[in-house]
N, C-alpha and C. Protein backbone atom coordinates (compact mmCIF):
# COMPACT_ATOMS: atom_id res chain seq x y z
N MET A 1 3.08 4.50 -6.37
CA MET A 1 1.66 4.45 -6.09
C MET A 1 1.42 4.73 -4.61
N ASP A 2 0.21 5.14 -4.34
CA ASP A 2 -0.19 5.33 -2.96
C ASP A 2 -1.64 4.89 -2.80
N GLY A 3 -2.17 5.06 -1.61
CA GLY A 3 -3.52 4.61 -1.32
C GLY A 3 -4.58 5.31 -2.14
N GLN A 4 -4.33 6.57 -2.53
CA GLN A 4 -5.29 7.28 -3.36
C GLN A 4 -5.39 6.64 -4.74
N ASP A 5 -4.25 6.17 -5.27
CA ASP A 5 -4.27 5.46 -6.55
C ASP A 5 -5.17 4.23 -6.47
N CYS A 6 -5.06 3.50 -5.39
CA CYS A 6 -5.89 2.31 -5.19
C CYS A 6 -7.36 2.69 -5.15
N LEU A 7 -7.69 3.70 -4.37
CA LEU A 7 -9.07 4.15 -4.26
C LEU A 7 -9.60 4.61 -5.62
N ASP A 8 -8.80 5.33 -6.37
CA ASP A 8 -9.20 5.79 -7.71
C ASP A 8 -9.51 4.61 -8.62
N LYS A 9 -8.66 3.60 -8.59
CA LYS A 9 -8.87 2.43 -9.46
C LYS A 9 -10.14 1.68 -9.09
N ILE A 10 -10.40 1.53 -7.82
CA ILE A 10 -11.62 0.84 -7.38
C ILE A 10 -12.85 1.63 -7.81
N THR A 11 -12.78 2.94 -7.68
CA THR A 11 -13.91 3.79 -8.02
C THR A 11 -14.22 3.76 -9.51
N VAL A 12 -13.18 3.75 -10.34
CA VAL A 12 -13.35 3.82 -11.79
C VAL A 12 -13.81 2.50 -12.40
N HIS A 13 -13.30 1.40 -11.90
CA HIS A 13 -13.61 0.10 -12.51
C HIS A 13 -14.97 -0.42 -12.03
N PRO A 14 -15.57 -1.30 -12.84
CA PRO A 14 -16.88 -1.83 -12.46
C PRO A 14 -16.80 -2.76 -11.25
N VAL A 15 -17.95 -2.97 -10.64
CA VAL A 15 -18.06 -3.91 -9.52
C VAL A 15 -17.52 -5.26 -9.97
N ASP A 16 -16.89 -5.97 -9.10
CA ASP A 16 -16.33 -7.31 -9.34
C ASP A 16 -15.09 -7.30 -10.25
N TYR A 17 -14.56 -6.12 -10.55
CA TYR A 17 -13.31 -6.06 -11.32
C TYR A 17 -12.16 -6.57 -10.47
N TYR A 18 -12.18 -6.20 -9.19
CA TYR A 18 -11.16 -6.66 -8.25
C TYR A 18 -11.76 -7.67 -7.29
N ASP A 19 -11.07 -8.78 -7.11
CA ASP A 19 -11.50 -9.79 -6.16
C ASP A 19 -10.89 -9.58 -4.79
N LEU A 20 -9.73 -8.93 -4.75
CA LEU A 20 -8.97 -8.81 -3.51
C LEU A 20 -7.95 -7.69 -3.67
N ILE A 21 -7.62 -7.03 -2.57
CA ILE A 21 -6.62 -5.97 -2.59
C ILE A 21 -5.50 -6.34 -1.62
N LEU A 22 -4.26 -6.25 -2.10
CA LEU A 22 -3.09 -6.33 -1.23
C LEU A 22 -2.69 -4.89 -0.94
N MET A 23 -2.81 -4.47 0.30
CA MET A 23 -2.62 -3.07 0.66
C MET A 23 -1.38 -2.91 1.53
N ASP A 24 -0.38 -2.23 0.98
CA ASP A 24 0.79 -1.88 1.78
C ASP A 24 0.34 -0.87 2.83
N ILE A 25 0.92 -0.91 3.99
CA ILE A 25 0.54 0.00 5.06
C ILE A 25 1.22 1.35 4.89
N ILE A 26 2.51 1.33 4.64
CA ILE A 26 3.27 2.58 4.56
C ILE A 26 3.45 2.96 3.09
N MET A 27 2.79 4.06 2.71
CA MET A 27 2.89 4.61 1.36
C MET A 27 2.88 6.13 1.48
N PRO A 28 3.40 6.81 0.48
CA PRO A 28 3.36 8.27 0.53
C PRO A 28 1.93 8.79 0.34
N ASN A 29 1.70 10.01 0.72
CA ASN A 29 0.42 10.71 0.57
C ASN A 29 -0.69 10.03 1.37
N VAL A 30 -1.35 9.04 0.82
CA VAL A 30 -2.43 8.33 1.53
C VAL A 30 -1.91 6.94 1.87
N ASP A 31 -1.77 6.65 3.17
CA ASP A 31 -1.25 5.35 3.57
C ASP A 31 -2.34 4.27 3.48
N GLY A 32 -1.94 3.04 3.71
CA GLY A 32 -2.86 1.93 3.58
C GLY A 32 -4.00 1.94 4.57
N ILE A 33 -3.75 2.43 5.77
CA ILE A 33 -4.81 2.51 6.78
C ILE A 33 -5.90 3.48 6.32
N GLU A 34 -5.50 4.66 5.89
CA GLU A 34 -6.48 5.66 5.44
C GLU A 34 -7.18 5.21 4.16
N ALA A 35 -6.44 4.61 3.24
CA ALA A 35 -7.05 4.12 2.00
C ALA A 35 -8.11 3.06 2.31
N THR A 36 -7.82 2.19 3.26
CA THR A 36 -8.79 1.17 3.64
C THR A 36 -10.04 1.80 4.25
N ARG A 37 -9.85 2.78 5.11
CA ARG A 37 -11.01 3.48 5.69
C ARG A 37 -11.88 4.09 4.60
N ARG A 38 -11.25 4.69 3.61
CA ARG A 38 -11.99 5.32 2.52
C ARG A 38 -12.71 4.29 1.66
N ILE A 39 -12.06 3.16 1.42
CA ILE A 39 -12.70 2.08 0.65
C ILE A 39 -13.91 1.56 1.42
N ARG A 40 -13.75 1.33 2.70
CA ARG A 40 -14.86 0.82 3.51
C ARG A 40 -16.02 1.81 3.60
N ALA A 41 -15.75 3.09 3.35
CA ALA A 41 -16.79 4.12 3.41
C ALA A 41 -17.49 4.35 2.07
N LEU A 42 -17.07 3.65 1.02
CA LEU A 42 -17.72 3.82 -0.28
C LEU A 42 -19.19 3.44 -0.19
N GLU A 43 -20.02 4.15 -0.94
CA GLU A 43 -21.46 3.88 -0.92
C GLU A 43 -21.81 2.55 -1.56
N ASP A 44 -21.07 2.16 -2.59
CA ASP A 44 -21.33 0.90 -3.28
C ASP A 44 -20.85 -0.25 -2.39
N GLY A 45 -21.78 -0.99 -1.84
CA GLY A 45 -21.45 -2.08 -0.92
C GLY A 45 -20.58 -3.16 -1.52
N SER A 46 -20.71 -3.39 -2.82
CA SER A 46 -19.88 -4.41 -3.47
C SER A 46 -18.42 -3.98 -3.50
N LYS A 47 -18.20 -2.68 -3.70
CA LYS A 47 -16.83 -2.17 -3.73
C LYS A 47 -16.28 -1.99 -2.32
N SER A 48 -17.11 -1.55 -1.41
CA SER A 48 -16.63 -1.30 -0.05
C SER A 48 -16.33 -2.58 0.72
N SER A 49 -16.78 -3.71 0.20
CA SER A 49 -16.56 -4.98 0.90
C SER A 49 -15.50 -5.86 0.25
N ILE A 50 -14.75 -5.32 -0.71
CA ILE A 50 -13.66 -6.09 -1.32
C ILE A 50 -12.69 -6.50 -0.22
N PRO A 51 -12.32 -7.76 -0.15
CA PRO A 51 -11.35 -8.19 0.86
C PRO A 51 -10.02 -7.45 0.70
N ILE A 52 -9.47 -7.01 1.82
CA ILE A 52 -8.20 -6.29 1.82
C ILE A 52 -7.23 -7.00 2.77
N ILE A 53 -6.06 -7.34 2.26
CA ILE A 53 -5.01 -7.94 3.07
C ILE A 53 -3.91 -6.91 3.26
N ALA A 54 -3.60 -6.61 4.50
CA ALA A 54 -2.51 -5.70 4.82
C ALA A 54 -1.18 -6.39 4.55
N VAL A 55 -0.25 -5.65 3.98
CA VAL A 55 1.10 -6.14 3.74
C VAL A 55 2.05 -5.14 4.37
N SER A 56 2.85 -5.60 5.33
CA SER A 56 3.71 -4.66 6.04
C SER A 56 4.92 -5.34 6.65
N ALA A 57 6.01 -4.58 6.73
CA ALA A 57 7.19 -5.04 7.45
C ALA A 57 7.05 -4.77 8.95
N ASN A 58 6.10 -3.92 9.30
CA ASN A 58 5.81 -3.63 10.71
C ASN A 58 4.87 -4.72 11.22
N VAL A 59 5.41 -5.61 12.04
CA VAL A 59 4.62 -6.78 12.42
C VAL A 59 4.31 -6.84 13.91
N GLN A 60 4.44 -5.72 14.58
CA GLN A 60 4.07 -5.71 15.99
C GLN A 60 2.55 -5.82 16.12
N GLU A 61 2.10 -6.26 17.26
CA GLU A 61 0.68 -6.45 17.47
C GLU A 61 -0.11 -5.16 17.24
N LYS A 62 0.44 -4.03 17.63
CA LYS A 62 -0.27 -2.76 17.44
C LYS A 62 -0.47 -2.46 15.96
N ASP A 63 0.47 -2.88 15.12
CA ASP A 63 0.34 -2.66 13.67
C ASP A 63 -0.75 -3.55 13.09
N ARG A 64 -0.78 -4.79 13.52
CA ARG A 64 -1.85 -5.71 13.08
C ARG A 64 -3.21 -5.20 13.53
N LYS A 65 -3.27 -4.76 14.77
CA LYS A 65 -4.53 -4.28 15.33
C LYS A 65 -5.02 -3.05 14.57
N ALA A 66 -4.12 -2.12 14.26
CA ALA A 66 -4.50 -0.91 13.51
C ALA A 66 -5.04 -1.27 12.13
N ALA A 67 -4.43 -2.24 11.47
CA ALA A 67 -4.88 -2.66 10.15
C ALA A 67 -6.28 -3.27 10.22
N LEU A 68 -6.48 -4.14 11.18
CA LEU A 68 -7.79 -4.79 11.32
C LEU A 68 -8.86 -3.79 11.74
N GLU A 69 -8.52 -2.87 12.61
CA GLU A 69 -9.49 -1.86 13.04
C GLU A 69 -9.87 -0.92 11.89
N ALA A 70 -8.97 -0.72 10.94
CA ALA A 70 -9.26 0.13 9.78
C ALA A 70 -10.20 -0.57 8.80
N GLY A 71 -10.34 -1.88 8.95
CA GLY A 71 -11.25 -2.63 8.08
C GLY A 71 -10.58 -3.66 7.20
N MET A 72 -9.29 -3.87 7.39
CA MET A 72 -8.62 -4.90 6.61
C MET A 72 -9.05 -6.27 7.12
N ASP A 73 -9.05 -7.23 6.22
CA ASP A 73 -9.54 -8.56 6.56
C ASP A 73 -8.47 -9.50 7.08
N SER A 74 -7.23 -9.21 6.73
CA SER A 74 -6.14 -10.08 7.14
C SER A 74 -4.85 -9.27 7.08
N PHE A 75 -3.76 -9.91 7.51
CA PHE A 75 -2.47 -9.24 7.61
C PHE A 75 -1.39 -10.24 7.24
N THR A 76 -0.45 -9.82 6.42
CA THR A 76 0.71 -10.66 6.13
C THR A 76 1.95 -9.78 6.16
N GLU A 77 3.04 -10.37 6.53
CA GLU A 77 4.26 -9.61 6.74
C GLU A 77 5.16 -9.61 5.51
N LYS A 78 6.05 -8.62 5.51
CA LYS A 78 7.13 -8.56 4.53
C LYS A 78 8.40 -8.90 5.28
N PRO A 79 9.31 -9.62 4.70
CA PRO A 79 9.18 -10.17 3.37
C PRO A 79 8.03 -11.18 3.31
N ILE A 80 7.46 -11.27 2.14
CA ILE A 80 6.28 -12.11 1.95
C ILE A 80 6.68 -13.57 1.90
N PHE A 81 5.99 -14.36 2.69
CA PHE A 81 6.10 -15.82 2.63
C PHE A 81 4.90 -16.28 1.81
N VAL A 82 5.16 -16.83 0.65
CA VAL A 82 4.11 -17.14 -0.30
C VAL A 82 3.04 -18.04 0.31
N ASP A 83 3.43 -19.03 1.08
CA ASP A 83 2.44 -19.93 1.66
C ASP A 83 1.51 -19.18 2.61
N ARG A 84 2.03 -18.24 3.39
CA ARG A 84 1.20 -17.46 4.30
C ARG A 84 0.29 -16.51 3.54
N LEU A 85 0.83 -15.90 2.49
CA LEU A 85 0.03 -15.01 1.67
C LEU A 85 -1.12 -15.78 1.02
N PHE A 86 -0.82 -16.92 0.45
CA PHE A 86 -1.87 -17.72 -0.19
C PHE A 86 -2.92 -18.17 0.83
N GLU A 87 -2.49 -18.50 2.02
CA GLU A 87 -3.44 -18.90 3.06
C GLU A 87 -4.36 -17.73 3.42
N ALA A 88 -3.79 -16.54 3.56
CA ALA A 88 -4.60 -15.35 3.85
C ALA A 88 -5.56 -15.06 2.70
N MET A 89 -5.09 -15.20 1.47
CA MET A 89 -5.94 -14.96 0.31
C MET A 89 -7.08 -15.98 0.27
N LYS A 90 -6.74 -17.23 0.49
CA LYS A 90 -7.75 -18.29 0.49
C LYS A 90 -8.80 -18.01 1.56
N HIS A 91 -8.36 -17.62 2.73
CA HIS A 91 -9.27 -17.33 3.83
C HIS A 91 -10.20 -16.17 3.46
N CYS A 92 -9.64 -15.09 2.95
CA CYS A 92 -10.44 -13.90 2.60
C CYS A 92 -11.41 -14.18 1.46
N LEU A 93 -10.94 -14.86 0.45
CA LEU A 93 -11.80 -15.13 -0.71
C LEU A 93 -12.89 -16.14 -0.36
N HIS A 94 -12.57 -17.10 0.47
CA HIS A 94 -13.56 -18.10 0.87
C HIS A 94 -14.68 -17.46 1.71
N GLU A 95 -14.31 -16.53 2.58
CA GLU A 95 -15.32 -15.86 3.41
C GLU A 95 -16.26 -15.01 2.60
N ASN A 96 -15.84 -14.55 1.43
CA ASN A 96 -16.65 -13.66 0.61
C ASN A 96 -17.36 -14.36 -0.52
N THR A 97 -17.41 -15.68 -0.51
CA THR A 97 -18.13 -16.40 -1.57
C THR A 97 -19.42 -16.97 -1.05
């Protein structure tokens, strides 16, 4: 899968089908940064505002900054620490309720 697959799925499914997106940063074809930019540019405000959590093994500050500047709501590292992921999910979902 790549970022275009994610964008296609969001576009095809009805509003509120997805509550949250876990977006890998490095993917073939369309990476997570570009996919997030495209999602944020969707005309449907309900779809363009779906919370997105970046997931990446690249954990330098510049990587976090790039993800947030692209419109991601949070960032979690790989390997995934479940408690940190759940905390990021809780934070993102709580802000959007």
